[in-house]
Amino acid sequence: KGVKMFMLLRARPALNMLIAALAIMAALPLVPVHAATEPLFVTATGHYVRGVFRDYWDKNGGLPIFGYPITDEYIDTKSGKVVQYFERARFERTSPDASAVSLGLLGREATLGRTFATAQPIKNTATRRYFPETKQIVQYGFKQIWETKGGLAIFGLPISGEIQELADDAKTRTIQYFERARFEYHPE
């Protein structure tokens, strides 16, 4: 009995120090997770890609998939999210301390209020794939790009079939909308 009590009394100063250290650490502000890569300044647009947005950009296709940054990151006053726009995507974090990056639903936002014809189910092949979630088909070159450049995680589900539409270059193009993207076919 005496030995056990002596050990407890002797351990008490160390326990008190541990409790004090934990209390001090709990009072310190949380430091956001930092990226593994350095900020990148893009001369072409005059904007930076930094932090976890830079890491996400690098790991998920970079310039060919997302394009150049067209804003710096900022806090959106309506949503409270940290956002940064790129030529072909919007990166989002739920808060400045968040390290998880998600992509904005730009395709859904661009087609808000539009209704697209749906397709009957087909047997999936090497060149065509049916999505029962949205009743749409992705085929040929669009299917190849969707599958090899990020699929569901980057582009989301298809929300239209292939349609003919006036593109930004004022030419009628074959276009297909996805939750987070718009694919355009440029035969030239």
N, C-alpha and C. Protein backbone atom coordinates (compact mmCIF):
# COMPACT_ATOMS: atom_id res chain seq x y z
N LYS A 1 0.81 -1.18 0.00
CA LYS A 1 0.00 0.00 0.00
C LYS A 1 0.86 1.25 0.00
N GLY A 2 1.89 1.29 0.82
CA GLY A 2 2.75 2.45 0.92
C GLY A 2 3.49 2.73 -0.37
N VAL A 3 3.91 1.72 -1.08
CA VAL A 3 4.65 1.90 -2.32
C VAL A 3 3.74 2.49 -3.40
N LYS A 4 2.53 1.99 -3.47
CA LYS A 4 1.60 2.49 -4.48
C LYS A 4 1.30 3.96 -4.25
N MET A 5 1.10 4.36 -3.00
CA MET A 5 0.78 5.74 -2.70
C MET A 5 1.97 6.64 -3.00
N PHE A 6 3.17 6.19 -2.70
CA PHE A 6 4.38 6.95 -2.97
C PHE A 6 4.51 7.21 -4.47
N MET A 7 4.25 6.19 -5.30
CA MET A 7 4.35 6.34 -6.74
C MET A 7 3.31 7.35 -7.25
N LEU A 8 2.11 7.31 -6.69
CA LEU A 8 1.07 8.23 -7.10
C LEU A 8 1.46 9.66 -6.72
N LEU A 9 1.96 9.86 -5.51
CA LEU A 9 2.37 11.19 -5.08
C LEU A 9 3.54 11.69 -5.91
N ARG A 10 4.46 10.80 -6.20
CA ARG A 10 5.63 11.18 -6.99
C ARG A 10 5.23 11.52 -8.43
N ALA A 11 4.23 10.84 -8.96
CA ALA A 11 3.80 11.06 -10.33
C ALA A 11 2.93 12.32 -10.46
N ARG A 12 2.39 12.83 -9.37
CA ARG A 12 1.48 13.96 -9.43
C ARG A 12 2.09 15.20 -10.08
N PRO A 13 3.34 15.63 -9.78
CA PRO A 13 3.89 16.81 -10.47
C PRO A 13 3.96 16.61 -11.99
N ALA A 14 4.32 15.44 -12.42
CA ALA A 14 4.38 15.17 -13.86
C ALA A 14 2.98 15.21 -14.47
N LEU A 15 2.00 14.67 -13.75
CA LEU A 15 0.62 14.70 -14.21
C LEU A 15 0.11 16.13 -14.29
N ASN A 16 0.44 16.94 -13.29
CA ASN A 16 0.03 18.35 -13.31
C ASN A 16 0.66 19.09 -14.49
N MET A 17 1.91 18.80 -14.79
CA MET A 17 2.57 19.44 -15.94
C MET A 17 1.91 19.02 -17.24
N LEU A 18 1.55 17.74 -17.34
CA LEU A 18 0.89 17.25 -18.54
C LEU A 18 -0.47 17.93 -18.73
N ILE A 19 -1.23 18.06 -17.65
CA ILE A 19 -2.53 18.72 -17.73
C ILE A 19 -2.36 20.18 -18.12
N ALA A 20 -1.37 20.87 -17.57
CA ALA A 20 -1.12 22.26 -17.91
C ALA A 20 -0.73 22.40 -19.39
N ALA A 21 0.11 21.50 -19.88
CA ALA A 21 0.54 21.55 -21.28
C ALA A 21 -0.65 21.32 -22.21
N LEU A 22 -1.52 20.38 -21.86
CA LEU A 22 -2.70 20.13 -22.67
C LEU A 22 -3.64 21.32 -22.68
N ALA A 23 -3.79 21.99 -21.53
CA ALA A 23 -4.66 23.17 -21.46
C ALA A 23 -4.11 24.30 -22.33
N ILE A 24 -2.80 24.50 -22.31
CA ILE A 24 -2.17 25.54 -23.14
C ILE A 24 -2.36 25.21 -24.61
N MET A 25 -2.16 23.95 -24.99
CA MET A 25 -2.30 23.55 -26.39
C MET A 25 -3.74 23.72 -26.86
N ALA A 26 -4.71 23.43 -25.98
CA ALA A 26 -6.12 23.57 -26.36
C ALA A 26 -6.50 25.02 -26.58
N ALA A 27 -5.82 25.94 -25.92
CA ALA A 27 -6.12 27.36 -26.05
C ALA A 27 -5.51 27.98 -27.30
N LEU A 28 -4.54 27.33 -27.91
CA LEU A 28 -3.90 27.86 -29.12
C LEU A 28 -4.84 27.74 -30.30
N PRO A 29 -4.81 28.70 -31.21
CA PRO A 29 -5.66 28.59 -32.40
C PRO A 29 -5.18 27.46 -33.30
N LEU A 30 -6.13 26.86 -34.01
CA LEU A 30 -5.78 25.80 -34.94
C LEU A 30 -5.08 26.41 -36.15
N VAL A 31 -4.04 25.78 -36.59
CA VAL A 31 -3.32 26.23 -37.77
C VAL A 31 -3.82 25.41 -38.95
N PRO A 32 -4.24 26.06 -40.03
CA PRO A 32 -4.74 25.30 -41.16
C PRO A 32 -3.68 24.37 -41.74
N VAL A 33 -4.15 23.32 -42.35
CA VAL A 33 -3.26 22.37 -43.00
C VAL A 33 -2.59 23.07 -44.17
N HIS A 34 -1.29 22.93 -44.27
CA HIS A 34 -0.56 23.57 -45.36
C HIS A 34 -0.29 22.57 -46.46
N ALA A 35 -0.16 23.06 -47.63
CA ALA A 35 0.08 22.22 -48.80
C ALA A 35 1.53 21.77 -48.84
N ALA A 36 1.73 20.70 -49.57
CA ALA A 36 3.07 20.16 -49.73
C ALA A 36 3.86 20.91 -50.79
N THR A 37 3.19 21.66 -51.62
CA THR A 37 3.86 22.36 -52.72
C THR A 37 3.83 23.87 -52.50
N GLU A 38 4.72 24.53 -53.17
CA GLU A 38 4.81 25.99 -53.07
C GLU A 38 3.73 26.65 -53.91
N PRO A 39 3.39 27.91 -53.60
CA PRO A 39 2.43 28.63 -54.44
C PRO A 39 2.96 28.74 -55.87
N LEU A 40 2.03 28.74 -56.82
CA LEU A 40 2.38 28.87 -58.23
C LEU A 40 1.75 30.15 -58.75
N PHE A 41 2.57 31.05 -59.25
CA PHE A 41 2.06 32.27 -59.88
C PHE A 41 1.94 31.99 -61.37
N VAL A 42 0.75 32.23 -61.92
CA VAL A 42 0.49 31.99 -63.34
C VAL A 42 0.52 33.33 -64.05
N THR A 43 1.58 33.56 -64.77
CA THR A 43 1.78 34.83 -65.47
C THR A 43 0.67 35.11 -66.47
N ALA A 44 0.19 34.07 -67.13
CA ALA A 44 -0.84 34.24 -68.17
C ALA A 44 -2.10 34.93 -67.65
N THR A 45 -2.44 34.71 -66.37
CA THR A 45 -3.66 35.30 -65.82
C THR A 45 -3.40 36.23 -64.65
N GLY A 46 -2.18 36.22 -64.12
CA GLY A 46 -1.86 37.08 -62.99
C GLY A 46 -2.43 36.59 -61.66
N HIS A 47 -2.70 35.28 -61.56
CA HIS A 47 -3.26 34.73 -60.32
C HIS A 47 -2.39 33.60 -59.79
N TYR A 48 -2.52 33.37 -58.49
CA TYR A 48 -1.80 32.30 -57.81
C TYR A 48 -2.69 31.08 -57.66
N VAL A 49 -2.05 29.91 -57.60
CA VAL A 49 -2.67 28.68 -57.12
C VAL A 49 -1.80 28.28 -55.94
N ARG A 50 -2.41 28.16 -54.77
CA ARG A 50 -1.60 27.89 -53.58
C ARG A 50 -2.31 26.94 -52.62
N GLY A 51 -1.55 26.50 -51.64
CA GLY A 51 -2.11 25.67 -50.57
C GLY A 51 -2.71 24.38 -51.08
N VAL A 52 -3.79 23.98 -50.40
CA VAL A 52 -4.42 22.71 -50.77
C VAL A 52 -5.05 22.78 -52.16
N PHE A 53 -5.41 23.97 -52.64
CA PHE A 53 -5.90 24.09 -54.01
C PHE A 53 -4.78 23.73 -55.00
N ARG A 54 -3.57 24.14 -54.72
CA ARG A 54 -2.44 23.80 -55.59
C ARG A 54 -2.22 22.29 -55.58
N ASP A 55 -2.25 21.70 -54.40
CA ASP A 55 -2.08 20.25 -54.32
C ASP A 55 -3.14 19.52 -55.13
N TYR A 56 -4.39 19.95 -54.97
CA TYR A 56 -5.49 19.30 -55.69
C TYR A 56 -5.32 19.48 -57.20
N TRP A 57 -4.98 20.69 -57.62
CA TRP A 57 -4.77 21.01 -59.03
C TRP A 57 -3.69 20.10 -59.61
N ASP A 58 -2.56 19.99 -58.89
CA ASP A 58 -1.44 19.16 -59.36
C ASP A 58 -1.83 17.68 -59.45
N LYS A 59 -2.52 17.16 -58.45
CA LYS A 59 -2.80 15.73 -58.36
C LYS A 59 -3.95 15.27 -59.25
N ASN A 60 -4.74 16.20 -59.75
CA ASN A 60 -5.94 15.81 -60.49
C ASN A 60 -5.99 16.31 -61.92
N GLY A 61 -4.87 16.63 -62.49
CA GLY A 61 -4.85 16.95 -63.92
C GLY A 61 -4.30 18.31 -64.27
N GLY A 62 -4.22 19.23 -63.31
CA GLY A 62 -3.60 20.53 -63.55
C GLY A 62 -4.18 21.29 -64.72
N LEU A 63 -3.29 21.91 -65.48
CA LEU A 63 -3.67 22.78 -66.58
C LEU A 63 -4.57 22.11 -67.64
N PRO A 64 -4.26 20.89 -68.11
CA PRO A 64 -5.12 20.31 -69.15
C PRO A 64 -6.57 20.08 -68.70
N ILE A 65 -6.78 19.78 -67.44
CA ILE A 65 -8.13 19.48 -66.95
C ILE A 65 -8.85 20.74 -66.46
N PHE A 66 -8.20 21.54 -65.65
CA PHE A 66 -8.86 22.67 -65.00
C PHE A 66 -8.61 24.01 -65.67
N GLY A 67 -7.55 24.11 -66.45
CA GLY A 67 -7.19 25.38 -67.06
C GLY A 67 -6.45 26.27 -66.07
N TYR A 68 -6.23 27.51 -66.48
CA TYR A 68 -5.53 28.49 -65.65
C TYR A 68 -6.46 29.03 -64.56
N PRO A 69 -5.87 29.48 -63.44
CA PRO A 69 -6.71 30.17 -62.45
C PRO A 69 -7.16 31.51 -63.02
N ILE A 70 -8.42 31.85 -62.82
CA ILE A 70 -8.92 33.15 -63.29
C ILE A 70 -9.33 34.06 -62.14
N THR A 71 -9.18 33.56 -60.90
CA THR A 71 -9.28 34.40 -59.70
C THR A 71 -8.25 33.86 -58.72
N ASP A 72 -7.95 34.64 -57.70
CA ASP A 72 -7.24 34.08 -56.55
C ASP A 72 -8.31 33.46 -55.65
N GLU A 73 -7.89 32.70 -54.65
CA GLU A 73 -8.90 32.15 -53.75
C GLU A 73 -9.45 33.26 -52.86
N TYR A 74 -10.71 33.14 -52.52
CA TYR A 74 -11.38 34.13 -51.67
C TYR A 74 -12.53 33.46 -50.93
N ILE A 75 -13.04 34.12 -49.92
CA ILE A 75 -14.18 33.60 -49.18
C ILE A 75 -15.45 34.14 -49.81
N ASP A 76 -16.30 33.26 -50.28
CA ASP A 76 -17.58 33.64 -50.87
C ASP A 76 -18.51 34.07 -49.74
N THR A 77 -19.01 35.30 -49.81
CA THR A 77 -19.82 35.85 -48.72
C THR A 77 -21.17 35.16 -48.58
N LYS A 78 -21.70 34.61 -49.67
CA LYS A 78 -23.00 33.92 -49.59
C LYS A 78 -22.90 32.56 -48.95
N SER A 79 -21.90 31.79 -49.34
CA SER A 79 -21.79 30.41 -48.85
C SER A 79 -20.82 30.26 -47.68
N GLY A 80 -19.91 31.22 -47.52
CA GLY A 80 -18.88 31.09 -46.48
C GLY A 80 -17.75 30.16 -46.89
N LYS A 81 -17.81 29.63 -48.10
CA LYS A 81 -16.77 28.71 -48.58
C LYS A 81 -15.59 29.48 -49.13
N VAL A 82 -14.43 28.85 -49.09
CA VAL A 82 -13.25 29.37 -49.77
C VAL A 82 -13.33 28.83 -51.19
N VAL A 83 -13.29 29.73 -52.18
CA VAL A 83 -13.44 29.31 -53.57
C VAL A 83 -12.32 29.91 -54.43
N GLN A 84 -12.06 29.24 -55.52
CA GLN A 84 -11.16 29.77 -56.54
C GLN A 84 -11.65 29.25 -57.88
N TYR A 85 -11.80 30.18 -58.83
CA TYR A 85 -12.24 29.82 -60.17
C TYR A 85 -11.05 29.58 -61.08
N PHE A 86 -11.22 28.56 -61.92
CA PHE A 86 -10.28 28.23 -62.98
C PHE A 86 -11.05 28.31 -64.29
N GLU A 87 -10.36 28.21 -65.41
CA GLU A 87 -11.04 28.29 -66.70
C GLU A 87 -12.14 27.24 -66.84
N ARG A 88 -11.93 26.06 -66.25
CA ARG A 88 -12.89 24.97 -66.41
C ARG A 88 -13.36 24.35 -65.10
N ALA A 89 -13.22 25.04 -63.99
CA ALA A 89 -13.65 24.46 -62.71
C ALA A 89 -13.73 25.54 -61.63
N ARG A 90 -14.42 25.20 -60.56
CA ARG A 90 -14.42 26.02 -59.35
C ARG A 90 -14.04 25.11 -58.20
N PHE A 91 -12.91 25.43 -57.55
CA PHE A 91 -12.47 24.68 -56.38
C PHE A 91 -13.14 25.29 -55.16
N GLU A 92 -13.50 24.43 -54.20
CA GLU A 92 -14.18 24.89 -52.99
C GLU A 92 -13.65 24.16 -51.75
N ARG A 93 -13.59 24.90 -50.65
CA ARG A 93 -13.34 24.34 -49.33
C ARG A 93 -14.41 24.90 -48.40
N THR A 94 -14.86 24.12 -47.45
CA THR A 94 -15.95 24.56 -46.58
C THR A 94 -15.56 25.69 -45.65
N SER A 95 -14.27 25.83 -45.36
CA SER A 95 -13.78 26.91 -44.49
C SER A 95 -12.28 27.11 -44.73
N PRO A 96 -11.71 28.21 -44.22
CA PRO A 96 -10.27 28.42 -44.41
C PRO A 96 -9.41 27.33 -43.79
N ASP A 97 -9.90 26.66 -42.75
CA ASP A 97 -9.13 25.61 -42.10
C ASP A 97 -9.29 24.25 -42.75
N ALA A 98 -10.26 24.11 -43.63
CA ALA A 98 -10.54 22.81 -44.26
C ALA A 98 -9.45 22.44 -45.26
N SER A 99 -9.10 21.18 -45.29
CA SER A 99 -8.10 20.73 -46.26
C SER A 99 -8.73 19.93 -47.40
N ALA A 100 -9.99 19.57 -47.27
CA ALA A 100 -10.67 18.82 -48.33
C ALA A 100 -11.16 19.79 -49.41
N VAL A 101 -10.85 19.46 -50.65
CA VAL A 101 -11.25 20.28 -51.79
C VAL A 101 -12.36 19.55 -52.54
N SER A 102 -13.39 20.29 -52.89
CA SER A 102 -14.43 19.74 -53.75
C SER A 102 -14.58 20.66 -54.95
N LEU A 103 -15.24 20.15 -55.96
CA LEU A 103 -15.44 20.93 -57.19
C LEU A 103 -16.87 21.43 -57.25
N GLY A 104 -17.03 22.68 -57.65
CA GLY A 104 -18.35 23.27 -57.78
C GLY A 104 -19.14 22.61 -58.90
N LEU A 105 -20.45 22.66 -58.79
CA LEU A 105 -21.34 22.04 -59.77
C LEU A 105 -21.63 23.01 -60.91
N LEU A 106 -20.59 23.38 -61.63
CA LEU A 106 -20.72 24.39 -62.69
C LEU A 106 -21.65 23.95 -63.82
N GLY A 107 -21.64 22.68 -64.16
CA GLY A 107 -22.54 22.19 -65.20
C GLY A 107 -23.99 22.32 -64.78
N ARG A 108 -24.27 21.96 -63.54
CA ARG A 108 -25.64 22.09 -63.02
C ARG A 108 -26.05 23.56 -63.00
N GLU A 109 -25.15 24.44 -62.56
CA GLU A 109 -25.47 25.87 -62.48
C GLU A 109 -25.68 26.46 -63.88
N ALA A 110 -24.89 26.03 -64.85
CA ALA A 110 -25.00 26.57 -66.21
C ALA A 110 -26.29 26.12 -66.89
N THR A 111 -26.84 24.99 -66.47
CA THR A 111 -28.05 24.47 -67.11
C THR A 111 -29.29 24.63 -66.22
N LEU A 112 -29.18 25.42 -65.18
CA LEU A 112 -30.30 25.62 -64.26
C LEU A 112 -31.56 26.02 -65.02
N GLY A 113 -32.63 25.30 -64.79
CA GLY A 113 -33.89 25.60 -65.45
C GLY A 113 -34.07 24.90 -66.80
N ARG A 114 -33.01 24.30 -67.32
CA ARG A 114 -33.12 23.59 -68.60
C ARG A 114 -33.48 22.13 -68.34
N THR A 115 -34.23 21.57 -69.26
CA THR A 115 -34.59 20.17 -69.20
C THR A 115 -34.03 19.49 -70.44
N PHE A 116 -33.41 18.34 -70.25
CA PHE A 116 -32.82 17.61 -71.37
C PHE A 116 -33.56 16.29 -71.57
N ALA A 117 -33.64 15.87 -72.82
CA ALA A 117 -34.24 14.57 -73.13
C ALA A 117 -33.41 13.48 -72.46
N THR A 118 -34.08 12.43 -72.04
CA THR A 118 -33.37 11.30 -71.44
C THR A 118 -33.29 10.17 -72.46
N ALA A 119 -32.42 9.22 -72.19
CA ALA A 119 -32.19 8.09 -73.10
C ALA A 119 -32.73 6.80 -72.49
N GLN A 120 -33.10 5.89 -73.35
CA GLN A 120 -33.48 4.56 -72.91
C GLN A 120 -32.21 3.80 -72.55
N PRO A 121 -32.29 2.89 -71.59
CA PRO A 121 -31.10 2.10 -71.23
C PRO A 121 -30.54 1.34 -72.43
N ILE A 122 -29.23 1.25 -72.46
CA ILE A 122 -28.53 0.47 -73.48
C ILE A 122 -27.56 -0.46 -72.78
N LYS A 123 -27.07 -1.43 -73.51
CA LYS A 123 -26.01 -2.28 -72.99
C LYS A 123 -24.71 -1.50 -73.11
N ASN A 124 -23.97 -1.40 -72.04
CA ASN A 124 -22.70 -0.68 -72.07
C ASN A 124 -21.69 -1.42 -72.94
N THR A 125 -20.94 -0.64 -73.70
CA THR A 125 -19.92 -1.19 -74.58
C THR A 125 -18.62 -0.41 -74.38
N ALA A 126 -17.63 -0.73 -75.16
CA ALA A 126 -16.35 -0.01 -75.08
C ALA A 126 -16.51 1.45 -75.50
N THR A 127 -17.54 1.74 -76.31
CA THR A 127 -17.69 3.09 -76.84
C THR A 127 -18.89 3.86 -76.28
N ARG A 128 -19.79 3.18 -75.55
CA ARG A 128 -20.98 3.84 -75.04
C ARG A 128 -21.28 3.35 -73.62
N ARG A 129 -21.75 4.27 -72.78
CA ARG A 129 -22.09 3.92 -71.40
C ARG A 129 -23.37 4.64 -70.99
N TYR A 130 -24.28 3.88 -70.41
CA TYR A 130 -25.54 4.42 -69.91
C TYR A 130 -25.43 4.67 -68.41
N PHE A 131 -25.95 5.81 -67.96
CA PHE A 131 -25.96 6.17 -66.55
C PHE A 131 -27.40 6.19 -66.05
N PRO A 132 -27.81 5.14 -65.30
CA PRO A 132 -29.20 5.08 -64.84
C PRO A 132 -29.56 6.22 -63.87
N GLU A 133 -28.56 6.76 -63.17
CA GLU A 133 -28.82 7.85 -62.22
C GLU A 133 -29.43 9.08 -62.89
N THR A 134 -29.00 9.35 -64.13
CA THR A 134 -29.48 10.53 -64.84
C THR A 134 -30.16 10.19 -66.16
N LYS A 135 -30.19 8.89 -66.50
CA LYS A 135 -30.78 8.42 -67.76
C LYS A 135 -30.12 9.09 -68.97
N GLN A 136 -28.79 9.16 -68.93
CA GLN A 136 -28.03 9.76 -70.03
C GLN A 136 -26.97 8.78 -70.51
N ILE A 137 -26.54 8.98 -71.73
CA ILE A 137 -25.49 8.16 -72.34
C ILE A 137 -24.27 9.04 -72.61
N VAL A 138 -23.10 8.50 -72.32
CA VAL A 138 -21.84 9.14 -72.70
C VAL A 138 -21.19 8.20 -73.71
N GLN A 139 -20.72 8.77 -74.81
CA GLN A 139 -20.23 7.90 -75.88
C GLN A 139 -19.01 8.45 -76.59
N TYR A 140 -18.32 7.56 -77.24
CA TYR A 140 -17.18 7.83 -78.12
C TYR A 140 -16.11 8.70 -77.44
N GLY A 141 -15.72 9.78 -78.05
CA GLY A 141 -14.64 10.61 -77.50
C GLY A 141 -14.97 11.18 -76.13
N PHE A 142 -16.23 11.58 -75.92
CA PHE A 142 -16.61 12.11 -74.61
C PHE A 142 -16.46 11.04 -73.53
N LYS A 143 -16.83 9.80 -73.85
CA LYS A 143 -16.69 8.70 -72.89
C LYS A 143 -15.22 8.46 -72.58
N GLN A 144 -14.39 8.48 -73.62
CA GLN A 144 -12.96 8.25 -73.41
C GLN A 144 -12.35 9.33 -72.50
N ILE A 145 -12.67 10.58 -72.75
CA ILE A 145 -12.15 11.67 -71.91
C ILE A 145 -12.70 11.54 -70.49
N TRP A 146 -13.99 11.29 -70.36
CA TRP A 146 -14.61 11.17 -69.04
C TRP A 146 -13.92 10.08 -68.23
N GLU A 147 -13.69 8.92 -68.84
CA GLU A 147 -13.10 7.79 -68.12
C GLU A 147 -11.62 7.97 -67.83
N THR A 148 -10.87 8.61 -68.71
CA THR A 148 -9.42 8.68 -68.54
C THR A 148 -8.93 9.95 -67.84
N LYS A 149 -9.77 10.95 -67.73
CA LYS A 149 -9.33 12.23 -67.16
C LYS A 149 -9.99 12.59 -65.84
N GLY A 150 -10.68 11.66 -65.22
CA GLY A 150 -11.20 11.97 -63.88
C GLY A 150 -12.55 11.41 -63.55
N GLY A 151 -13.36 11.07 -64.55
CA GLY A 151 -14.64 10.41 -64.32
C GLY A 151 -15.56 11.15 -63.36
N LEU A 152 -16.22 10.38 -62.55
CA LEU A 152 -17.22 10.89 -61.61
C LEU A 152 -16.64 11.92 -60.65
N ALA A 153 -15.45 11.68 -60.13
CA ALA A 153 -14.85 12.58 -59.14
C ALA A 153 -14.57 13.97 -59.69
N ILE A 154 -14.19 14.07 -60.94
CA ILE A 154 -13.82 15.36 -61.52
C ILE A 154 -14.98 15.99 -62.29
N PHE A 155 -15.68 15.20 -63.09
CA PHE A 155 -16.71 15.76 -63.97
C PHE A 155 -18.14 15.56 -63.47
N GLY A 156 -18.35 14.57 -62.62
CA GLY A 156 -19.69 14.26 -62.16
C GLY A 156 -20.45 13.43 -63.20
N LEU A 157 -21.72 13.23 -62.92
CA LEU A 157 -22.58 12.46 -63.82
C LEU A 157 -22.98 13.29 -65.04
N PRO A 158 -23.28 12.63 -66.17
CA PRO A 158 -23.80 13.38 -67.31
C PRO A 158 -25.22 13.85 -66.99
N ILE A 159 -25.53 15.09 -67.35
CA ILE A 159 -26.88 15.60 -67.11
C ILE A 159 -27.59 15.93 -68.42
N SER A 160 -26.90 15.73 -69.52
CA SER A 160 -27.53 15.85 -70.85
C SER A 160 -26.91 14.79 -71.73
N GLY A 161 -27.56 14.56 -72.85
CA GLY A 161 -26.92 13.78 -73.90
C GLY A 161 -26.14 14.75 -74.76
N GLU A 162 -25.62 14.26 -75.87
CA GLU A 162 -24.94 15.15 -76.81
C GLU A 162 -25.99 16.02 -77.49
N ILE A 163 -25.75 17.31 -77.51
CA ILE A 163 -26.67 18.26 -78.15
C ILE A 163 -25.87 19.21 -79.03
N GLN A 164 -26.54 19.81 -79.97
CA GLN A 164 -25.92 20.83 -80.81
C GLN A 164 -26.23 22.18 -80.18
N GLU A 165 -25.18 22.96 -79.95
CA GLU A 165 -25.36 24.22 -79.25
C GLU A 165 -24.29 25.21 -79.69
N LEU A 166 -24.63 26.47 -79.63
CA LEU A 166 -23.67 27.51 -79.95
C LEU A 166 -22.64 27.59 -78.83
N ALA A 167 -21.38 27.43 -79.18
CA ALA A 167 -20.30 27.46 -78.20
C ALA A 167 -19.77 28.88 -78.05
N ASP A 168 -18.84 29.06 -77.14
CA ASP A 168 -18.25 30.38 -76.88
C ASP A 168 -17.54 30.97 -78.09
N ASP A 169 -17.10 30.11 -79.01
CA ASP A 169 -16.42 30.60 -80.22
C ASP A 169 -17.41 30.94 -81.35
N ALA A 170 -18.72 31.00 -81.02
CA ALA A 170 -19.79 31.35 -81.95
C ALA A 170 -20.00 30.30 -83.04
N LYS A 171 -19.51 29.09 -82.82
CA LYS A 171 -19.74 27.99 -83.75
C LYS A 171 -20.68 26.98 -83.10
N THR A 172 -21.51 26.35 -83.92
CA THR A 172 -22.37 25.29 -83.40
C THR A 172 -21.50 24.05 -83.19
N ARG A 173 -21.54 23.53 -81.98
CA ARG A 173 -20.69 22.41 -81.59
C ARG A 173 -21.53 21.29 -80.98
N THR A 174 -20.98 20.08 -80.97
CA THR A 174 -21.56 18.99 -80.19
C THR A 174 -21.09 19.19 -78.76
N ILE A 175 -22.06 19.30 -77.86
CA ILE A 175 -21.78 19.62 -76.46
C ILE A 175 -22.50 18.62 -75.58
N GLN A 176 -21.89 18.29 -74.46
CA GLN A 176 -22.56 17.47 -73.45
C GLN A 176 -22.25 18.05 -72.09
N TYR A 177 -23.30 18.18 -71.27
CA TYR A 177 -23.15 18.73 -69.93
C TYR A 177 -23.02 17.62 -68.89
N PHE A 178 -22.15 17.88 -67.94
CA PHE A 178 -21.96 17.01 -66.78
C PHE A 178 -22.20 17.87 -65.54
N GLU A 179 -22.30 17.26 -64.39
CA GLU A 179 -22.57 18.03 -63.18
C GLU A 179 -21.55 19.14 -62.95
N ARG A 180 -20.28 18.87 -63.29
CA ARG A 180 -19.21 19.84 -63.01
C ARG A 180 -18.50 20.35 -64.26
N ALA A 181 -19.02 20.04 -65.44
CA ALA A 181 -18.28 20.40 -66.66
C ALA A 181 -19.19 20.43 -67.87
N ARG A 182 -18.67 21.03 -68.95
CA ARG A 182 -19.30 20.97 -70.26
C ARG A 182 -18.22 20.51 -71.23
N PHE A 183 -18.49 19.42 -71.93
CA PHE A 183 -17.57 18.93 -72.94
C PHE A 183 -18.02 19.50 -74.28
N GLU A 184 -17.05 19.88 -75.10
CA GLU A 184 -17.31 20.36 -76.47
C GLU A 184 -16.46 19.56 -77.43
N TYR A 185 -17.07 19.16 -78.54
CA TYR A 185 -16.31 18.47 -79.59
C TYR A 185 -15.84 19.49 -80.61
N HIS A 186 -14.51 19.52 -80.81
CA HIS A 186 -13.87 20.39 -81.80
C HIS A 186 -13.16 19.50 -82.80
N PRO A 187 -13.79 19.19 -83.94
CA PRO A 187 -13.16 18.27 -84.89
C PRO A 187 -11.85 18.77 -85.47
N GLU A 188 -11.67 20.08 -85.46
CA GLU A 188 -10.43 20.61 -86.02
C GLU A 188 -9.29 20.43 -85.04
